[in-house]
C-alpha atoms as a PDB file:
ATOM      1  CA  MET A   1      31.852  67.986 -11.188  1.00  0.00           C
ATOM      2  CA  LYS A   2      30.490  69.833  -8.174  1.00  0.00           C
ATOM      3  CA  LYS A   3      27.886  67.162  -7.529  1.00  0.00           C
ATOM      4  CA  ILE A   4      30.243  64.097  -7.802  1.00  0.00           C
ATOM      5  CA  ILE A   5      32.463  65.448  -5.006  1.00  0.00           C
ATOM      6  CA  PRO A   6      29.841  65.851  -2.116  1.00  0.00           C
ATOM      7  CA  ILE A   7      28.701  62.473  -3.618  1.00  0.00           C
ATOM      8  CA  LEU A   8      32.118  61.064  -2.933  1.00  0.00           C
ATOM      9  CA  LEU A   9      32.182  62.434   0.582  1.00  0.00           C
ATOM     10  CA  ILE A  10      28.928  60.854   1.555  1.00  0.00           C
ATOM     11  CA  ILE A  11      30.192  57.512   0.240  1.00  0.00           C
ATOM     12  CA  PHE A  12      33.596  57.599   1.755  1.00  0.00           C
ATOM     13  CA  MET A  13      32.016  58.882   5.036  1.00  0.00           C
ATOM     14  CA  VAL A  14      29.490  56.247   5.310  1.00  0.00           C
ATOM     15  CA  ILE A  15      32.360  53.490   4.263  1.00  0.00           C
ATOM     16  CA  TYR A  16      34.419  55.098   7.394  1.00  0.00           C
ATOM     17  CA  VAL A  17      31.980  55.170   9.983  1.00  0.00           C
ATOM     18  CA  SER A  18      30.692  51.450   9.419  1.00  0.00           C
ATOM     19  CA  SER A  19      34.016  50.034   9.240  1.00  0.00           C
ATOM     20  CA  CYS A  20      34.510  51.538  13.002  1.00  0.00           C
ATOM     21  CA  GLU A  21      34.705  48.798  15.877  1.00  0.00           C
ATOM     22  CA  LYS A  22      32.469  49.152  18.626  1.00  0.00           C
ATOM     23  CA  ASP A  23      34.063  50.665  21.929  1.00  0.00           C
ATOM     24  CA  ASP A  24      36.408  48.130  23.948  1.00  0.00           C
ATOM     25  CA  ILE A  25      34.381  48.021  27.197  1.00  0.00           C
ATOM     26  CA  CYS A  26      34.727  44.854  28.679  1.00  0.00           C
ATOM     27  CA  VAL A  27      31.562  43.579  30.260  1.00  0.00           C
ATOM     28  CA  ASP A  28      32.092  39.634  31.023  1.00  0.00           C
ATOM     29  CA  GLY A  29      35.378  39.626  31.573  1.00  0.00           C
ATOM     30  CA  ASP A  30      35.962  38.283  35.190  1.00  0.00           C
ATOM     31  CA  THR A  31      36.935  34.909  36.015  1.00  0.00           C
ATOM     32  CA  PRO A  32      34.035  33.039  37.707  1.00  0.00           C
ATOM     33  CA  LEU A  33      33.843  32.578  41.486  1.00  0.00           C
ATOM     34  CA  LEU A  34      33.047  28.940  42.955  1.00  0.00           C
ATOM     35  CA  VAL A  35      29.215  29.038  44.142  1.00  0.00           C
ATOM     36  CA  VAL A  36      28.865  26.974  47.270  1.00  0.00           C
ATOM     37  CA  ARG A  37      25.365  26.321  48.873  1.00  0.00           C
ATOM     38  CA  PHE A  38      24.789  24.749  52.030  1.00  0.00           C
ATOM     39  CA  TYR A  39      21.987  22.128  52.691  1.00  0.00           C
ATOM     40  CA  ASP A  40      20.342  20.731  55.873  1.00  0.00           C
ATOM     41  CA  ILE A  41      21.645  16.970  56.310  1.00  0.00           C
ATOM     42  CA  ASN A  42      18.346  15.777  57.344  1.00  0.00           C
ATOM     43  CA  ASP A  43      16.391  17.338  54.551  1.00  0.00           C
ATOM     44  CA  THR A  44      18.929  17.548  51.618  1.00  0.00           C
ATOM     45  CA  THR A  45      16.691  19.448  49.182  1.00  0.00           C
ATOM     46  CA  ALA A  46      16.258  22.417  51.810  1.00  0.00           C
ATOM     47  CA  SER A  47      18.896  25.200  51.677  1.00  0.00           C
ATOM     48  CA  LYS A  48      20.227  25.934  55.520  1.00  0.00           C
ATOM     49  CA  ASP A  49      21.566  29.388  56.639  1.00  0.00           C
ATOM     50  CA  VAL A  50      25.156  28.838  58.211  1.00  0.00           C
ATOM     51  CA  PRO A  51      25.734  30.906  61.616  1.00  0.00           C
ATOM     52  CA  SER A  52      28.418  33.580  61.769  1.00  0.00           C
ATOM     53  CA  LEU A  53      30.034  31.858  58.858  1.00  0.00           C
ATOM     54  CA  ARG A  54      33.956  32.766  57.990  1.00  0.00           C
ATOM     55  CA  ILE A  55      36.133  31.515  55.254  1.00  0.00           C
ATOM     56  CA  LYS A  56      40.025  31.825  54.923  1.00  0.00           C
ATOM     57  CA  GLU A  57      41.977  30.774  52.108  1.00  0.00           C
ATOM     58  CA  VAL A  58      44.894  28.647  54.155  1.00  0.00           C
ATOM     59  CA  ILE A  59      47.870  29.445  51.911  1.00  0.00           C
ATOM     60  CA  LEU A  60      47.477  33.049  51.726  1.00  0.00           C
ATOM     61  CA  ASN A  61      45.947  33.151  55.291  1.00  0.00           C
ATOM     62  CA  SER A  62      43.314  35.751  54.064  1.00  0.00           C
ATOM     63  CA  THR A  63      39.864  35.999  54.709  1.00  0.00           C
ATOM     64  CA  VAL A  64      37.628  35.985  51.584  1.00  0.00           C
ATOM     65  CA  ASN A  65      36.045  39.108  50.783  1.00  0.00           C
ATOM     66  CA  THR A  66      33.221  38.223  48.235  1.00  0.00           C
ATOM     67  CA  PHE A  67      30.514  37.944  50.792  1.00  0.00           C
ATOM     68  CA  ILE A  68      29.834  39.572  54.209  1.00  0.00           C
ATOM     69  CA  ASP A  69      32.287  38.078  57.041  1.00  0.00           C
ATOM     70  CA  ARG A  70      30.390  36.100  59.824  1.00  0.00           C
ATOM     71  CA  ALA A  71      26.982  36.813  58.462  1.00  0.00           C
ATOM     72  CA  SER A  72      24.439  34.666  59.685  1.00  0.00           C
ATOM     73  CA  ASN A  73      21.941  34.541  57.118  1.00  0.00           C
ATOM     74  CA  LEU A  74      24.290  32.927  54.378  1.00  0.00           C
ATOM     75  CA  ASP A  75      23.028  29.763  52.515  1.00  0.00           C
ATOM     76  CA  SER A  76      25.299  30.159  49.519  1.00  0.00           C
ATOM     77  CA  ILE A  77      28.578  31.750  48.682  1.00  0.00           C
ATOM     78  CA  GLY A  78      31.024  32.624  46.034  1.00  0.00           C
ATOM     79  CA  ILE A  79      34.545  32.013  46.567  1.00  0.00           C
ATOM     80  CA  PRO A  80      37.593  32.757  44.399  1.00  0.00           C
ATOM     81  CA  ILE A  81      39.796  29.770  43.633  1.00  0.00           C
ATOM     82  CA  ARG A  82      43.327  30.188  42.775  1.00  0.00           C
ATOM     83  CA  SER A  83      44.315  30.343  39.254  1.00  0.00           C
ATOM     84  CA  ASP A  84      47.827  29.815  39.671  1.00  0.00           C
ATOM     85  CA  ALA A  85      47.530  26.421  41.037  1.00  0.00           C
ATOM     86  CA  THR A  86      45.570  23.430  40.528  1.00  0.00           C
ATOM     87  CA  THR A  87      44.178  23.240  44.537  1.00  0.00           C
ATOM     88  CA  THR A  88      42.823  25.670  46.625  1.00  0.00           C
ATOM     89  CA  SER A  89      42.487  25.057  50.498  1.00  0.00           C
ATOM     90  CA  PHE A  90      39.726  26.970  52.618  1.00  0.00           C
ATOM     91  CA  ALA A  91      38.675  27.105  56.388  1.00  0.00           C
ATOM     92  CA  PHE A  92      34.979  27.002  56.635  1.00  0.00           C
ATOM     93  CA  ILE A  93      34.356  28.052  59.930  1.00  0.00           C
ATOM     94  CA  THR A  94      30.654  28.120  61.482  1.00  0.00           C
ATOM     95  CA  ASN A  95      30.308  30.010  64.683  1.00  0.00           C
ATOM     96  CA  SER A  96      33.002  32.046  64.382  1.00  0.00           C
ATOM     97  CA  ALA A  97      34.454  34.350  66.689  1.00  0.00           C
ATOM     98  CA  ASP A  98      37.357  36.050  68.234  1.00  0.00           C
ATOM     99  CA  ASP A  99      38.512  34.627  71.734  1.00  0.00           C
ATOM    100  CA  ALA A 100      38.400  37.936  73.949  1.00  0.00           C
ATOM    101  CA  ASP A 101      41.592  36.875  75.592  1.00  0.00           C
ATOM    102  CA  THR A 102      43.594  35.849  72.587  1.00  0.00           C
ATOM    103  CA  GLY A 103      41.937  37.181  70.031  1.00  0.00           C
ATOM    104  CA  GLU A 104      42.417  34.052  68.022  1.00  0.00           C
ATOM    105  CA  GLU A 105      39.720  32.461  65.953  1.00  0.00           C
ATOM    106  CA  THR A 106      37.001  29.963  67.523  1.00  0.00           C
ATOM    107  CA  GLY A 107      34.541  27.905  66.148  1.00  0.00           C
ATOM    108  CA  ASN A 108      33.941  24.571  64.127  1.00  0.00           C
ATOM    109  CA  ILE A 109      36.729  24.499  61.539  1.00  0.00           C
ATOM    110  CA  ASP A 110      36.599  22.373  58.429  1.00  0.00           C
ATOM    111  CA  THR A 111      39.443  22.566  56.051  1.00  0.00           C
ATOM    112  CA  LEU A 112      37.862  21.783  52.395  1.00  0.00           C
ATOM    113  CA  THR A 113      40.494  21.243  49.407  1.00  0.00           C
ATOM    114  CA  PHE A 114      39.257  21.932  46.002  1.00  0.00           C
ATOM    115  CA  SER A 115      41.472  20.309  43.285  1.00  0.00           C
ATOM    116  CA  TYR A 116      40.740  21.362  39.384  1.00  0.00           C
ATOM    117  CA  THR A 117      42.496  21.820  36.413  1.00  0.00           C
ATOM    118  CA  THR A 118      42.779  25.727  34.740  1.00  0.00           C
ATOM    119  CA  ARG A 119      41.868  26.479  31.433  1.00  0.00           C
ATOM    120  CA  GLU A 120      42.001  29.909  30.002  1.00  0.00           C
ATOM    121  CA  ALA A 121      38.830  31.054  27.906  1.00  0.00           C
ATOM    122  CA  PHE A 122      39.243  34.213  25.330  1.00  0.00           C
ATOM    123  CA  ILE A 123      36.183  36.702  26.056  1.00  0.00           C
ATOM    124  CA  SER A 124      37.028  39.610  23.578  1.00  0.00           C
ATOM    125  CA  ARG A 125      39.774  42.150  22.652  1.00  0.00           C
ATOM    126  CA  ALA A 126      38.551  44.148  25.373  1.00  0.00           C
ATOM    127  CA  CYS A 127      38.460  41.721  28.413  1.00  0.00           C
ATOM    128  CA  GLY A 128      41.254  39.172  27.214  1.00  0.00           C
ATOM    129  CA  PHE A 129      41.236  36.201  28.748  1.00  0.00           C
ATOM    130  CA  VAL A 130      39.792  34.581  32.134  1.00  0.00           C
ATOM    131  CA  MET A 131      40.654  31.449  33.735  1.00  0.00           C
ATOM    132  CA  ASN A 132      37.900  28.585  33.403  1.00  0.00           C
ATOM    133  CA  PHE A 133      38.251  25.418  36.029  1.00  0.00           C
ATOM    134  CA  ASP A 134      37.442  21.995  34.839  1.00  0.00           C
ATOM    135  CA  GLY A 135      37.522  18.512  36.871  1.00  0.00           C
ATOM    136  CA  LEU A 136      36.492  19.922  40.147  1.00  0.00           C
ATOM    137  CA  SER A 137      36.491  17.643  43.140  1.00  0.00           C
ATOM    138  CA  VAL A 138      36.627  18.383  46.721  1.00  0.00           C
ATOM    139  CA  THR A 139      38.283  16.492  49.778  1.00  0.00           C
ATOM    140  CA  LEU A 140      37.873  16.866  53.657  1.00  0.00           C
ATOM    141  CA  PRO A 141      39.855  15.152  56.081  1.00  0.00           C
ATOM    142  CA  GLU A 142      37.727  12.717  58.121  1.00  0.00           C
ATOM    143  CA  SER A 143      37.227  13.871  61.911  1.00  0.00           C
ATOM    144  CA  ALA A 144      34.829  13.554  64.325  1.00  0.00           C
ATOM    145  CA  ASN A 145      34.582  17.359  64.896  1.00  0.00           C
ATOM    146  CA  ASN A 146      33.338  17.908  61.376  1.00  0.00           C
ATOM    147  CA  TRP A 147      30.524  20.304  60.895  1.00  0.00           C
ATOM    148  CA  VAL A 148      30.538  19.484  57.413  1.00  0.00           C
ATOM    149  CA  GLN A 149      28.946  15.878  57.021  1.00  0.00           C
ATOM    150  CA  ASP A 150      28.486  15.718  53.393  1.00  0.00           C
ATOM    151  CA  ILE A 151      29.766  17.524  50.045  1.00  0.00           C
ATOM    152  CA  LYS A 152      28.523  16.708  46.509  1.00  0.00           C
ATOM    153  CA  VAL A 153      30.108  18.511  43.471  1.00  0.00           C
ATOM    154  CA  VAL A 154      27.126  19.205  41.276  1.00  0.00           C
ATOM    155  CA  GLN A 155      28.934  21.111  38.384  1.00  0.00           C
ATOM    156  CA  GLY A 156      32.566  19.768  37.545  1.00  0.00           C
ATOM    157  CA  SER A 157      33.375  23.191  35.563  1.00  0.00           C
ATOM    158  CA  VAL A 158      33.410  26.509  37.037  1.00  0.00           C
ATOM    159  CA  GLU A 159      32.615  28.594  33.738  1.00  0.00           C
ATOM    160  CA  ASN A 160      30.493  31.029  35.555  1.00  0.00           C
ATOM    161  CA  SER A 161      29.115  32.336  38.708  1.00  0.00           C
ATOM    162  CA  ASN A 162      25.355  31.921  38.244  1.00  0.00           C
ATOM    163  CA  ASN A 163      25.228  28.219  38.917  1.00  0.00           C
ATOM    164  CA  VAL A 164      25.774  26.058  42.107  1.00  0.00           C
ATOM    165  CA  HIS A 165      28.982  24.215  41.662  1.00  0.00           C
ATOM    166  CA  VAL A 166      29.475  22.565  45.190  1.00  0.00           C
ATOM    167  CA  LYS A 167      26.494  21.520  47.753  1.00  0.00           C
ATOM    168  CA  ILE A 168      27.544  21.041  51.315  1.00  0.00           C
ATOM    169  CA  PHE A 169      25.178  19.318  53.804  1.00  0.00           C
ATOM    170  CA  TYR A 170      25.519  19.999  57.803  1.00  0.00           C
END
């Protein structure tokens, strides 16, 4: 009987420990960013840096903070699109600066509107749900002053931030 109790305790401990779940740590639980890459209009295979790029979300009137504001060496960026709407409008500003007298934004401003449908995706118990975006399309009002000359949606579904979703040619 003295030998059976330790054996039963060991068996019980092995069963108890093996039935535990891993810690709930969320590694892949972020809603993906929309990845935009800029290309030379004359050589559509060559990426091109945008000088002093600033992007502002139009409705919230806030500068996007997922990349260095007004950096001069960006040929691709990741921007967050709204999960509480089916469109997000951004002011893409090249040669962005603040006017010395008025403090207002200067530069060439093009307003792009991204349209999409939202879809929740369950990641794990720790992460919960993230939002994915399907049916991506982009519109740019025509103007003689547009610095953006062409736009191509490369990937219509935004499920991760690893791939380019939209190509902008200028």
